[in-house]
Amino acid sequence: MTQELAAYLTSQALTTALIVSAPMLLAGMIVGIAVSIFQAVTQINEMTLAFVPKIVVTALALLLFMPWMAAKLVDFMHYIFAIIPNIAS
């Protein structure tokens, strides 16, 4: 295995991880911004008001996007397993 291949595989792994986690992170960020705006407008500074909606929406995003996330991860693993003979030789 060359350094270029190792760098490429690391880059692909990090890109895949970022793409797979993006739906949950974006959903949590959007809800967090909405809750922050609501708290600023109403001047309610309750910690659970900020935390609970984000965790619920993140869990719902996980359930909603699970098939797509699993397909992306399986595709990446198929690619990794396919190149193993090339790396070993």
PDB file of N, CA and C in Angstrom:
ATOM      1  N   MET A   1       0.854  -1.176   0.000  1.00  0.00           N
ATOM      2  CA  MET A   1       0.000   0.000   0.000  1.00  0.00           C
ATOM      3  C   MET A   1       0.898   1.236   0.000  1.00  0.00           C
ATOM      4  N   THR A   2       0.615   2.114  -0.910  1.00  0.00           N
ATOM      5  CA  THR A   2       1.403   3.336  -1.000  1.00  0.00           C
ATOM      6  C   THR A   2       0.812   4.413  -0.089  1.00  0.00           C
ATOM      7  N   GLN A   3       1.596   5.440   0.117  1.00  0.00           N
ATOM      8  CA  GLN A   3       1.111   6.544   0.939  1.00  0.00           C
ATOM      9  C   GLN A   3      -0.060   7.261   0.274  1.00  0.00           C
ATOM     10  N   GLU A   4      -0.015   7.339  -1.041  1.00  0.00           N
ATOM     11  CA  GLU A   4      -1.101   8.001  -1.768  1.00  0.00           C
ATOM     12  C   GLU A   4      -2.417   7.237  -1.599  1.00  0.00           C
ATOM     13  N   LEU A   5      -2.345   5.913  -1.679  1.00  0.00           N
ATOM     14  CA  LEU A   5      -3.544   5.098  -1.507  1.00  0.00           C
ATOM     15  C   LEU A   5      -4.080   5.209  -0.084  1.00  0.00           C
ATOM     16  N   ALA A   6      -3.176   5.195   0.880  1.00  0.00           N
ATOM     17  CA  ALA A   6      -3.604   5.331   2.274  1.00  0.00           C
ATOM     18  C   ALA A   6      -4.266   6.690   2.501  1.00  0.00           C
ATOM     19  N   ALA A   7      -3.693   7.737   1.934  1.00  0.00           N
ATOM     20  CA  ALA A   7      -4.280   9.069   2.065  1.00  0.00           C
ATOM     21  C   ALA A   7      -5.637   9.132   1.368  1.00  0.00           C
ATOM     22  N   TYR A   8      -5.747   8.503   0.207  1.00  0.00           N
ATOM     23  CA  TYR A   8      -7.002   8.496  -0.531  1.00  0.00           C
ATOM     24  C   TYR A   8      -8.087   7.740   0.240  1.00  0.00           C
ATOM     25  N   LEU A   9      -7.731   6.568   0.782  1.00  0.00           N
ATOM     26  CA  LEU A   9      -8.714   5.785   1.535  1.00  0.00           C
ATOM     27  C   LEU A   9      -9.148   6.511   2.807  1.00  0.00           C
ATOM     28  N   THR A  10      -8.217   7.185   3.461  1.00  0.00           N
ATOM     29  CA  THR A  10      -8.564   7.967   4.640  1.00  0.00           C
ATOM     30  C   THR A  10      -9.500   9.107   4.267  1.00  0.00           C
ATOM     31  N   SER A  11      -9.203   9.761   3.170  1.00  0.00           N
ATOM     32  CA  SER A  11     -10.059  10.850   2.694  1.00  0.00           C
ATOM     33  C   SER A  11     -11.455  10.347   2.361  1.00  0.00           C
ATOM     34  N   GLN A  12     -11.539   9.212   1.698  1.00  0.00           N
ATOM     35  CA  GLN A  12     -12.845   8.639   1.355  1.00  0.00           C
ATOM     36  C   GLN A  12     -13.616   8.221   2.601  1.00  0.00           C
ATOM     37  N   ALA A  13     -12.920   7.674   3.584  1.00  0.00           N
ATOM     38  CA  ALA A  13     -13.585   7.269   4.826  1.00  0.00           C
ATOM     39  C   ALA A  13     -14.139   8.480   5.571  1.00  0.00           C
ATOM     40  N   LEU A  14     -13.357   9.546   5.643  1.00  0.00           N
ATOM     41  CA  LEU A  14     -13.827  10.754   6.324  1.00  0.00           C
ATOM     42  C   LEU A  14     -14.979  11.412   5.566  1.00  0.00           C
ATOM     43  N   THR A  15     -14.895  11.419   4.239  1.00  0.00           N
ATOM     44  CA  THR A  15     -15.973  11.981   3.429  1.00  0.00           C
ATOM     45  C   THR A  15     -17.253  11.179   3.610  1.00  0.00           C
ATOM     46  N   THR A  16     -17.136   9.865   3.613  1.00  0.00           N
ATOM     47  CA  THR A  16     -18.308   9.010   3.820  1.00  0.00           C
ATOM     48  C   THR A  16     -18.913   9.247   5.200  1.00  0.00           C
ATOM     49  N   ALA A  17     -18.073   9.350   6.211  1.00  0.00           N
ATOM     50  CA  ALA A  17     -18.573   9.605   7.570  1.00  0.00           C
ATOM     51  C   ALA A  17     -19.286  10.951   7.642  1.00  0.00           C
ATOM     52  N   LEU A  18     -18.756  11.955   6.974  1.00  0.00           N
ATOM     53  CA  LEU A  18     -19.389  13.274   6.977  1.00  0.00           C
ATOM     54  C   LEU A  18     -20.723  13.247   6.250  1.00  0.00           C
ATOM     55  N   ILE A  19     -20.775  12.572   5.111  1.00  0.00           N
ATOM     56  CA  ILE A  19     -22.014  12.487   4.336  1.00  0.00           C
ATOM     57  C   ILE A  19     -23.080  11.710   5.106  1.00  0.00           C
ATOM     58  N   VAL A  20     -22.677  10.634   5.758  1.00  0.00           N
ATOM     59  CA  VAL A  20     -23.636   9.798   6.493  1.00  0.00           C
ATOM     60  C   VAL A  20     -24.179  10.531   7.725  1.00  0.00           C
ATOM     61  N   SER A  21     -23.353  11.324   8.377  1.00  0.00           N
ATOM     62  CA  SER A  21     -23.806  12.016   9.584  1.00  0.00           C
ATOM     63  C   SER A  21     -24.500  13.340   9.290  1.00  0.00           C
ATOM     64  N   ALA A  22     -24.408  13.833   8.068  1.00  0.00           N
ATOM     65  CA  ALA A  22     -24.948  15.151   7.731  1.00  0.00           C
ATOM     66  C   ALA A  22     -26.449  15.309   7.991  1.00  0.00           C
ATOM     67  N   PRO A  23     -27.304  14.359   7.629  1.00  0.00           N
ATOM     68  CA  PRO A  23     -28.740  14.588   7.873  1.00  0.00           C
ATOM     69  C   PRO A  23     -29.084  14.811   9.343  1.00  0.00           C
ATOM     70  N   MET A  24     -28.477  14.039  10.222  1.00  0.00           N
ATOM     71  CA  MET A  24     -28.760  14.201  11.648  1.00  0.00           C
ATOM     72  C   MET A  24     -28.198  15.524  12.173  1.00  0.00           C
ATOM     73  N   LEU A  25     -26.984  15.857  11.745  1.00  0.00           N
ATOM     74  CA  LEU A  25     -26.377  17.097  12.209  1.00  0.00           C
ATOM     75  C   LEU A  25     -27.142  18.319  11.708  1.00  0.00           C
ATOM     76  N   LEU A  26     -27.552  18.290  10.452  1.00  0.00           N
ATOM     77  CA  LEU A  26     -28.297  19.423   9.904  1.00  0.00           C
ATOM     78  C   LEU A  26     -29.658  19.569  10.574  1.00  0.00           C
ATOM     79  N   ALA A  27     -30.340  18.456  10.806  1.00  0.00           N
ATOM     80  CA  ALA A  27     -31.642  18.526  11.481  1.00  0.00           C
ATOM     81  C   ALA A  27     -31.490  19.102  12.888  1.00  0.00           C
ATOM     82  N   GLY A  28     -30.494  18.638  13.612  1.00  0.00           N
ATOM     83  CA  GLY A  28     -30.249  19.160  14.956  1.00  0.00           C
ATOM     84  C   GLY A  28     -29.870  20.630  14.944  1.00  0.00           C
ATOM     85  N   MET A  29     -29.095  21.031  13.936  1.00  0.00           N
ATOM     86  CA  MET A  29     -28.686  22.431  13.847  1.00  0.00           C
ATOM     87  C   MET A  29     -29.874  23.338  13.534  1.00  0.00           C
ATOM     88  N   ILE A  30     -30.725  22.916  12.605  1.00  0.00           N
ATOM     89  CA  ILE A  30     -31.887  23.726  12.239  1.00  0.00           C
ATOM     90  C   ILE A  30     -32.833  23.883  13.432  1.00  0.00           C
ATOM     91  N   VAL A  31     -33.086  22.787  14.127  1.00  0.00           N
ATOM     92  CA  VAL A  31     -33.961  22.868  15.310  1.00  0.00           C
ATOM     93  C   VAL A  31     -33.304  23.692  16.404  1.00  0.00           C
ATOM     94  N   GLY A  32     -32.002  23.564  16.560  1.00  0.00           N
ATOM     95  CA  GLY A  32     -31.298  24.358  17.565  1.00  0.00           C
ATOM     96  C   GLY A  32     -31.386  25.852  17.290  1.00  0.00           C
ATOM     97  N   ILE A  33     -31.259  26.228  16.019  1.00  0.00           N
ATOM     98  CA  ILE A  33     -31.382  27.641  15.665  1.00  0.00           C
ATOM     99  C   ILE A  33     -32.806  28.131  15.907  1.00  0.00           C
ATOM    100  N   ALA A  34     -33.793  27.312  15.528  1.00  0.00           N
ATOM    101  CA  ALA A  34     -35.197  27.704  15.741  1.00  0.00           C
ATOM    102  C   ALA A  34     -35.502  27.863  17.233  1.00  0.00           C
ATOM    103  N   VAL A  35     -35.012  26.950  18.046  1.00  0.00           N
ATOM    104  CA  VAL A  35     -35.239  27.042  19.490  1.00  0.00           C
ATOM    105  C   VAL A  35     -34.521  28.260  20.064  1.00  0.00           C
ATOM    106  N   SER A  36     -33.322  28.541  19.590  1.00  0.00           N
ATOM    107  CA  SER A  36     -32.581  29.709  20.070  1.00  0.00           C
ATOM    108  C   SER A  36     -33.313  31.003  19.730  1.00  0.00           C
ATOM    109  N   ILE A  37     -33.848  31.077  18.516  1.00  0.00           N
ATOM    110  CA  ILE A  37     -34.621  32.267  18.133  1.00  0.00           C
ATOM    111  C   ILE A  37     -35.868  32.383  19.005  1.00  0.00           C
ATOM    112  N   PHE A  38     -36.559  31.256  19.228  1.00  0.00           N
ATOM    113  CA  PHE A  38     -37.733  31.267  20.099  1.00  0.00           C
ATOM    114  C   PHE A  38     -37.367  31.728  21.506  1.00  0.00           C
ATOM    115  N   GLN A  39     -36.259  31.246  22.036  1.00  0.00           N
ATOM    116  CA  GLN A  39     -35.845  31.641  23.384  1.00  0.00           C
ATOM    117  C   GLN A  39     -35.460  33.112  23.437  1.00  0.00           C
ATOM    118  N   ALA A  40     -34.834  33.613  22.377  1.00  0.00           N
ATOM    119  CA  ALA A  40     -34.450  35.027  22.357  1.00  0.00           C
ATOM    120  C   ALA A  40     -35.679  35.927  22.284  1.00  0.00           C
ATOM    121  N   VAL A  41     -36.668  35.504  21.508  1.00  0.00           N
ATOM    122  CA  VAL A  41     -37.880  36.315  21.362  1.00  0.00           C
ATOM    123  C   VAL A  41     -38.701  36.313  22.647  1.00  0.00           C
ATOM    124  N   THR A  42     -38.847  35.151  23.268  1.00  0.00           N
ATOM    125  CA  THR A  42     -39.693  35.049  24.459  1.00  0.00           C
ATOM    126  C   THR A  42     -38.926  35.258  25.764  1.00  0.00           C
ATOM    127  N   GLN A  43     -37.623  35.333  25.702  1.00  0.00           N
ATOM    128  CA  GLN A  43     -36.743  35.482  26.864  1.00  0.00           C
ATOM    129  C   GLN A  43     -36.917  34.345  27.863  1.00  0.00           C
ATOM    130  N   ILE A  44     -37.215  33.147  27.347  1.00  0.00           N
ATOM    131  CA  ILE A  44     -37.285  31.947  28.174  1.00  0.00           C
ATOM    132  C   ILE A  44     -35.935  31.243  28.035  1.00  0.00           C
ATOM    133  N   ASN A  45     -35.230  31.098  29.134  1.00  0.00           N
ATOM    134  CA  ASN A  45     -33.920  30.454  29.102  1.00  0.00           C
ATOM    135  C   ASN A  45     -33.952  29.142  29.872  1.00  0.00           C
ATOM    136  N   GLU A  46     -34.728  28.217  29.368  1.00  0.00           N
ATOM    137  CA  GLU A  46     -34.849  26.896  29.992  1.00  0.00           C
ATOM    138  C   GLU A  46     -33.947  25.923  29.237  1.00  0.00           C
ATOM    139  N   MET A  47     -33.092  25.209  29.968  1.00  0.00           N
ATOM    140  CA  MET A  47     -32.122  24.310  29.338  1.00  0.00           C
ATOM    141  C   MET A  47     -32.809  23.146  28.627  1.00  0.00           C
ATOM    142  N   THR A  48     -33.849  22.590  29.226  1.00  0.00           N
ATOM    143  CA  THR A  48     -34.512  21.448  28.591  1.00  0.00           C
ATOM    144  C   THR A  48     -35.242  21.861  27.319  1.00  0.00           C
ATOM    145  N   LEU A  49     -35.650  23.102  27.234  1.00  0.00           N
ATOM    146  CA  LEU A  49     -36.297  23.594  26.021  1.00  0.00           C
ATOM    147  C   LEU A  49     -35.325  23.564  24.851  1.00  0.00           C
ATOM    148  N   ALA A  50     -34.066  23.730  25.108  1.00  0.00           N
ATOM    149  CA  ALA A  50     -33.071  23.685  24.041  1.00  0.00           C
ATOM    150  C   ALA A  50     -32.636  22.254  23.724  1.00  0.00           C
ATOM    151  N   PHE A  51     -32.593  21.405  24.732  1.00  0.00           N
ATOM    152  CA  PHE A  51     -32.027  20.069  24.548  1.00  0.00           C
ATOM    153  C   PHE A  51     -33.029  19.059  24.004  1.00  0.00           C
ATOM    154  N   VAL A  52     -34.199  19.004  24.559  1.00  0.00           N
ATOM    155  CA  VAL A  52     -35.172  17.959  24.218  1.00  0.00           C
ATOM    156  C   VAL A  52     -35.590  17.998  22.744  1.00  0.00           C
ATOM    157  N   PRO A  53     -35.951  19.151  22.175  1.00  0.00           N
ATOM    158  CA  PRO A  53     -36.336  19.136  20.755  1.00  0.00           C
ATOM    159  C   PRO A  53     -35.198  18.684  19.829  1.00  0.00           C
ATOM    160  N   LYS A  54     -33.976  19.079  20.161  1.00  0.00           N
ATOM    161  CA  LYS A  54     -32.841  18.671  19.322  1.00  0.00           C
ATOM    162  C   LYS A  54     -32.637  17.167  19.354  1.00  0.00           C
ATOM    163  N   ILE A  55     -32.730  16.558  20.532  1.00  0.00           N
ATOM    164  CA  ILE A  55     -32.516  15.114  20.629  1.00  0.00           C
ATOM    165  C   ILE A  55     -33.645  14.354  19.956  1.00  0.00           C
ATOM    166  N   VAL A  56     -34.871  14.853  20.050  1.00  0.00           N
ATOM    167  CA  VAL A  56     -36.006  14.189  19.411  1.00  0.00           C
ATOM    168  C   VAL A  56     -35.870  14.261  17.883  1.00  0.00           C
ATOM    169  N   VAL A  57     -35.550  15.440  17.369  1.00  0.00           N
ATOM    170  CA  VAL A  57     -35.420  15.600  15.917  1.00  0.00           C
ATOM    171  C   VAL A  57     -34.229  14.806  15.395  1.00  0.00           C
ATOM    172  N   THR A  58     -33.150  14.758  16.135  1.00  0.00           N
ATOM    173  CA  THR A  58     -31.994  13.970  15.716  1.00  0.00           C
ATOM    174  C   THR A  58     -32.344  12.484  15.667  1.00  0.00           C
ATOM    175  N   ALA A  59     -33.082  12.002  16.647  1.00  0.00           N
ATOM    176  CA  ALA A  59     -33.502  10.593  16.645  1.00  0.00           C
ATOM    177  C   ALA A  59     -34.458  10.309  15.486  1.00  0.00           C
ATOM    178  N   LEU A  60     -35.373  11.233  15.204  1.00  0.00           N
ATOM    179  CA  LEU A  60     -36.276  11.058  14.067  1.00  0.00           C
ATOM    180  C   LEU A  60     -35.516  11.070  12.737  1.00  0.00           C
ATOM    181  N   ALA A  61     -34.525  11.948  12.626  1.00  0.00           N
ATOM    182  CA  ALA A  61     -33.704  11.979  11.410  1.00  0.00           C
ATOM    183  C   ALA A  61     -32.932  10.674  11.256  1.00  0.00           C
ATOM    184  N   LEU A  62     -32.445  10.129  12.360  1.00  0.00           N
ATOM    185  CA  LEU A  62     -31.748   8.853  12.311  1.00  0.00           C
ATOM    186  C   LEU A  62     -32.674   7.751  11.805  1.00  0.00           C
ATOM    187  N   LEU A  63     -33.890   7.709  12.313  1.00  0.00           N
ATOM    188  CA  LEU A  63     -34.848   6.695  11.866  1.00  0.00           C
ATOM    189  C   LEU A  63     -35.236   6.893  10.401  1.00  0.00           C
ATOM    190  N   LEU A  64     -35.420   8.133   9.998  1.00  0.00           N
ATOM    191  CA  LEU A  64     -35.842   8.434   8.641  1.00  0.00           C
ATOM    192  C   LEU A  64     -34.752   8.132   7.611  1.00  0.00           C
ATOM    193  N   PHE A  65     -33.515   8.476   7.937  1.00  0.00           N
ATOM    194  CA  PHE A  65     -32.420   8.340   6.983  1.00  0.00           C
ATOM    195  C   PHE A  65     -31.608   7.049   7.152  1.00  0.00           C
ATOM    196  N   MET A  66     -32.009   6.181   8.074  1.00  0.00           N
ATOM    197  CA  MET A  66     -31.252   4.950   8.326  1.00  0.00           C
ATOM    198  C   MET A  66     -31.054   4.090   7.079  1.00  0.00           C
ATOM    199  N   PRO A  67     -32.072   3.853   6.253  1.00  0.00           N
ATOM    200  CA  PRO A  67     -31.827   3.024   5.057  1.00  0.00           C
ATOM    201  C   PRO A  67     -30.797   3.646   4.110  1.00  0.00           C
ATOM    202  N   TRP A  68     -30.888   4.945   3.911  1.00  0.00           N
ATOM    203  CA  TRP A  68     -29.936   5.627   3.033  1.00  0.00           C
ATOM    204  C   TRP A  68     -28.530   5.587   3.622  1.00  0.00           C
ATOM    205  N   MET A  69     -28.426   5.812   4.941  1.00  0.00           N
ATOM    206  CA  MET A  69     -27.119   5.789   5.598  1.00  0.00           C
ATOM    207  C   MET A  69     -26.498   4.395   5.519  1.00  0.00           C
ATOM    208  N   ALA A  70     -27.302   3.371   5.748  1.00  0.00           N
ATOM    209  CA  ALA A  70     -26.799   2.001   5.672  1.00  0.00           C
ATOM    210  C   ALA A  70     -26.345   1.665   4.258  1.00  0.00           C
ATOM    211  N   ALA A  71     -27.096   2.118   3.258  1.00  0.00           N
ATOM    212  CA  ALA A  71     -26.709   1.857   1.867  1.00  0.00           C
ATOM    213  C   ALA A  71     -25.373   2.525   1.536  1.00  0.00           C
ATOM    214  N   LYS A  72     -25.177   3.755   1.998  1.00  0.00           N
ATOM    215  CA  LYS A  72     -23.903   4.457   1.766  1.00  0.00           C
ATOM    216  C   LYS A  72     -22.742   3.708   2.424  1.00  0.00           C
ATOM    217  N   LEU A  73     -22.943   3.259   3.656  1.00  0.00           N
ATOM    218  CA  LEU A  73     -21.879   2.550   4.362  1.00  0.00           C
ATOM    219  C   LEU A  73     -21.592   1.189   3.722  1.00  0.00           C
ATOM    220  N   VAL A  74     -22.631   0.500   3.283  1.00  0.00           N
ATOM    221  CA  VAL A  74     -22.436  -0.790   2.615  1.00  0.00           C
ATOM    222  C   VAL A  74     -21.703  -0.593   1.293  1.00  0.00           C
ATOM    223  N   ASP A  75     -22.050   0.444   0.539  1.00  0.00           N
ATOM    224  CA  ASP A  75     -21.340   0.726  -0.719  1.00  0.00           C
ATOM    225  C   ASP A  75     -19.859   0.989  -0.463  1.00  0.00           C
ATOM    226  N   PHE A  76     -19.560   1.746   0.586  1.00  0.00           N
ATOM    227  CA  PHE A  76     -18.165   2.035   0.905  1.00  0.00           C
ATOM    228  C   PHE A  76     -17.419   0.761   1.301  1.00  0.00           C
ATOM    229  N   MET A  77     -18.072  -0.088   2.087  1.00  0.00           N
ATOM    230  CA  MET A  77     -17.416  -1.326   2.496  1.00  0.00           C
ATOM    231  C   MET A  77     -17.223  -2.277   1.312  1.00  0.00           C
ATOM    232  N   HIS A  78     -18.174  -2.308   0.376  1.00  0.00           N
ATOM    233  CA  HIS A  78     -17.993  -3.114  -0.837  1.00  0.00           C
ATOM    234  C   HIS A  78     -16.774  -2.630  -1.603  1.00  0.00           C
ATOM    235  N   TYR A  79     -16.617  -1.322  -1.692  1.00  0.00           N
ATOM    236  CA  TYR A  79     -15.447  -0.752  -2.371  1.00  0.00           C
ATOM    237  C   TYR A  79     -14.160  -1.155  -1.656  1.00  0.00           C
ATOM    238  N   ILE A  80     -14.140  -1.061  -0.345  1.00  0.00           N
ATOM    239  CA  ILE A  80     -12.941  -1.420   0.428  1.00  0.00           C
ATOM    240  C   ILE A  80     -12.612  -2.900   0.248  1.00  0.00           C
ATOM    241  N   PHE A  81     -13.638  -3.768   0.339  1.00  0.00           N
ATOM    242  CA  PHE A  81     -13.393  -5.199   0.172  1.00  0.00           C
ATOM    243  C   PHE A  81     -12.963  -5.533  -1.250  1.00  0.00           C
ATOM    244  N   ALA A  82     -13.432  -4.779  -2.231  1.00  0.00           N
ATOM    245  CA  ALA A  82     -13.053  -5.025  -3.617  1.00  0.00           C
ATOM    246  C   ALA A  82     -11.602  -4.691  -3.892  1.00  0.00           C
ATOM    247  N   ILE A  83     -11.047  -3.716  -3.193  1.00  0.00           N
ATOM    248  CA  ILE A  83      -9.654  -3.343  -3.462  1.00  0.00           C
ATOM    249  C   ILE A  83      -8.652  -4.069  -2.587  1.00  0.00           C
ATOM    250  N   ILE A  84      -9.104  -4.897  -1.676  1.00  0.00           N
ATOM    251  CA  ILE A  84      -8.178  -5.624  -0.805  1.00  0.00           C
ATOM    252  C   ILE A  84      -7.209  -6.493  -1.614  1.00  0.00           C
ATOM    253  N   PRO A  85      -7.648  -7.231  -2.629  1.00  0.00           N
ATOM    254  CA  PRO A  85      -6.654  -8.003  -3.390  1.00  0.00           C
ATOM    255  C   PRO A  85      -5.591  -7.147  -4.063  1.00  0.00           C
ATOM    256  N   ASN A  86      -5.960  -5.955  -4.497  1.00  0.00           N
ATOM    257  CA  ASN A  86      -4.989  -5.059  -5.116  1.00  0.00           C
ATOM    258  C   ASN A  86      -3.988  -4.540  -4.108  1.00  0.00           C
ATOM    259  N   ILE A  87      -4.439  -4.333  -2.891  1.00  0.00           N
ATOM    260  CA  ILE A  87      -3.551  -3.828  -1.846  1.00  0.00           C
ATOM    261  C   ILE A  87      -2.607  -4.919  -1.374  1.00  0.00           C
ATOM    262  N   ALA A  88      -3.111  -6.140  -1.244  1.00  0.00           N
ATOM    263  CA  ALA A  88      -2.316  -7.255  -0.731  1.00  0.00           C
ATOM    264  C   ALA A  88      -1.207  -7.680  -1.695  1.00  0.00           C
ATOM    265  N   SER A  89      -1.415  -7.459  -2.965  1.00  0.00           N
ATOM    266  CA  SER A  89      -0.388  -7.919  -3.930  1.00  0.00           C
ATOM    267  C   SER A  89       0.706  -6.934  -4.149  1.00  0.00           C
TER     268      SER A  89
END
